[in-house]
């Protein structure tokens, strides 16, 4: 099972948190990243290949 790294990138670009999980494919890893995402950027890597970068969604008061 391939291992994927999930990097949460803080707004200061210095406070990165990395976790590693095994998934059968890229789609499974990206779905997991969407569940983890809060207000930070998450990058998903498999070895040195960037699988995806999830940007936080911006909500405005107009959407309430």
C-alpha atoms as a PDB file:
ATOM      1  CA  UNK A   1       0.000   0.000   0.000  1.00  0.00           C
ATOM      2  CA  UNK A   2       1.509   3.358  -1.021  1.00  0.00           C
ATOM      3  CA  UNK A   3       2.275   5.849   1.740  1.00  0.00           C
ATOM      4  CA  UNK A   4       1.143   9.469   1.434  1.00  0.00           C
ATOM      5  CA  UNK A   5       2.376  12.492   3.395  1.00  0.00           C
ATOM      6  CA  UNK A   6      -0.134  15.140   4.466  1.00  0.00           C
ATOM      7  CA  UNK A   7       1.471  18.521   5.150  1.00  0.00           C
ATOM      8  CA  UNK A   8      -0.587  21.216   6.860  1.00  0.00           C
ATOM      9  CA  UNK A   9       0.956  24.531   5.986  1.00  0.00           C
ATOM     10  CA  UNK A  10       0.321  27.352   8.434  1.00  0.00           C
ATOM     11  CA  UNK A  11      -0.118  30.970   7.405  1.00  0.00           C
ATOM     12  CA  UNK A  12       3.462  31.751   8.461  1.00  0.00           C
ATOM     13  CA  UNK A  13       4.770  28.946   6.152  1.00  0.00           C
ATOM     14  CA  UNK A  14       6.993  27.822   9.064  1.00  0.00           C
ATOM     15  CA  UNK A  15       4.480  25.922  11.169  1.00  0.00           C
ATOM     16  CA  UNK A  16       4.129  22.808   9.015  1.00  0.00           C
ATOM     17  CA  UNK A  17       2.689  19.610  10.461  1.00  0.00           C
ATOM     18  CA  UNK A  18       3.250  16.357   8.614  1.00  0.00           C
ATOM     19  CA  UNK A  19       1.456  13.028   9.014  1.00  0.00           C
ATOM     20  CA  UNK A  20       1.792   9.891   6.936  1.00  0.00           C
ATOM     21  CA  UNK A  21      -0.933   7.376   6.012  1.00  0.00           C
ATOM     22  CA  UNK A  22      -1.300   4.451   3.630  1.00  0.00           C
ATOM     23  CA  UNK A  23      -3.939   4.511   0.867  1.00  0.00           C
ATOM     24  CA  UNK A  24      -4.587   2.338  -2.157  1.00  0.00           C
ATOM     25  CA  UNK A  25      -4.631   5.285  -4.591  1.00  0.00           C
ATOM     26  CA  UNK A  26      -4.464   9.065  -5.016  1.00  0.00           C
ATOM     27  CA  UNK A  27      -8.253   9.465  -4.841  1.00  0.00           C
ATOM     28  CA  UNK A  28      -8.417   7.888  -1.392  1.00  0.00           C
ATOM     29  CA  UNK A  29      -5.589  10.092  -0.142  1.00  0.00           C
ATOM     30  CA  UNK A  30      -7.228  13.262  -1.491  1.00  0.00           C
ATOM     31  CA  UNK A  31     -10.592  12.350   0.043  1.00  0.00           C
ATOM     32  CA  UNK A  32      -8.872  11.903   3.403  1.00  0.00           C
ATOM     33  CA  UNK A  33      -7.144  15.273   3.019  1.00  0.00           C
ATOM     34  CA  UNK A  34     -10.521  16.950   2.432  1.00  0.00           C
ATOM     35  CA  UNK A  35     -11.765  15.504   5.729  1.00  0.00           C
ATOM     36  CA  UNK A  36      -8.673  16.807   7.558  1.00  0.00           C
ATOM     37  CA  UNK A  37      -8.799  20.280   6.079  1.00  0.00           C
ATOM     38  CA  UNK A  38      -9.738  23.209   8.252  1.00  0.00           C
ATOM     39  CA  UNK A  39      -8.422  26.694   7.550  1.00  0.00           C
ATOM     40  CA  UNK A  40      -4.963  25.686   6.363  1.00  0.00           C
ATOM     41  CA  UNK A  41      -3.446  24.582   3.102  1.00  0.00           C
ATOM     42  CA  UNK A  42      -2.883  20.831   2.891  1.00  0.00           C
ATOM     43  CA  UNK A  43      -0.433  19.294   0.457  1.00  0.00           C
ATOM     44  CA  UNK A  44      -0.574  15.580  -0.294  1.00  0.00           C
ATOM     45  CA  UNK A  45       2.668  13.920  -1.392  1.00  0.00           C
ATOM     46  CA  UNK A  46       3.623  10.417  -2.428  1.00  0.00           C
ATOM     47  CA  UNK A  47       7.403  10.296  -2.110  1.00  0.00           C
ATOM     48  CA  UNK A  48       8.573  13.361  -4.126  1.00  0.00           C
ATOM     49  CA  UNK A  49       5.395  13.602  -6.269  1.00  0.00           C
ATOM     50  CA  UNK A  50       2.841  16.257  -5.373  1.00  0.00           C
ATOM     51  CA  UNK A  51      -0.557  14.540  -5.581  1.00  0.00           C
ATOM     52  CA  UNK A  52      -2.608  17.625  -4.727  1.00  0.00           C
ATOM     53  CA  UNK A  53      -2.787  20.900  -2.876  1.00  0.00           C
ATOM     54  CA  UNK A  54      -6.026  21.825  -1.125  1.00  0.00           C
ATOM     55  CA  UNK A  55      -6.596  25.497  -0.427  1.00  0.00           C
ATOM     56  CA  UNK A  56      -8.986  26.530   2.357  1.00  0.00           C
ATOM     57  CA  UNK A  57     -12.386  27.654   1.155  1.00  0.00           C
ATOM     58  CA  UNK A  58     -13.096  31.295   1.820  1.00  0.00           C
ATOM     59  CA  UNK A  59     -16.520  32.047   3.245  1.00  0.00           C
ATOM     60  CA  UNK A  60     -17.870  35.554   3.428  1.00  0.00           C
ATOM     61  CA  UNK A  61     -20.698  36.928   5.563  1.00  0.00           C
ATOM     62  CA  UNK A  62     -22.765  37.152   2.361  1.00  0.00           C
ATOM     63  CA  UNK A  63     -22.870  33.335   2.215  1.00  0.00           C
ATOM     64  CA  UNK A  64     -24.558  33.057   5.642  1.00  0.00           C
END
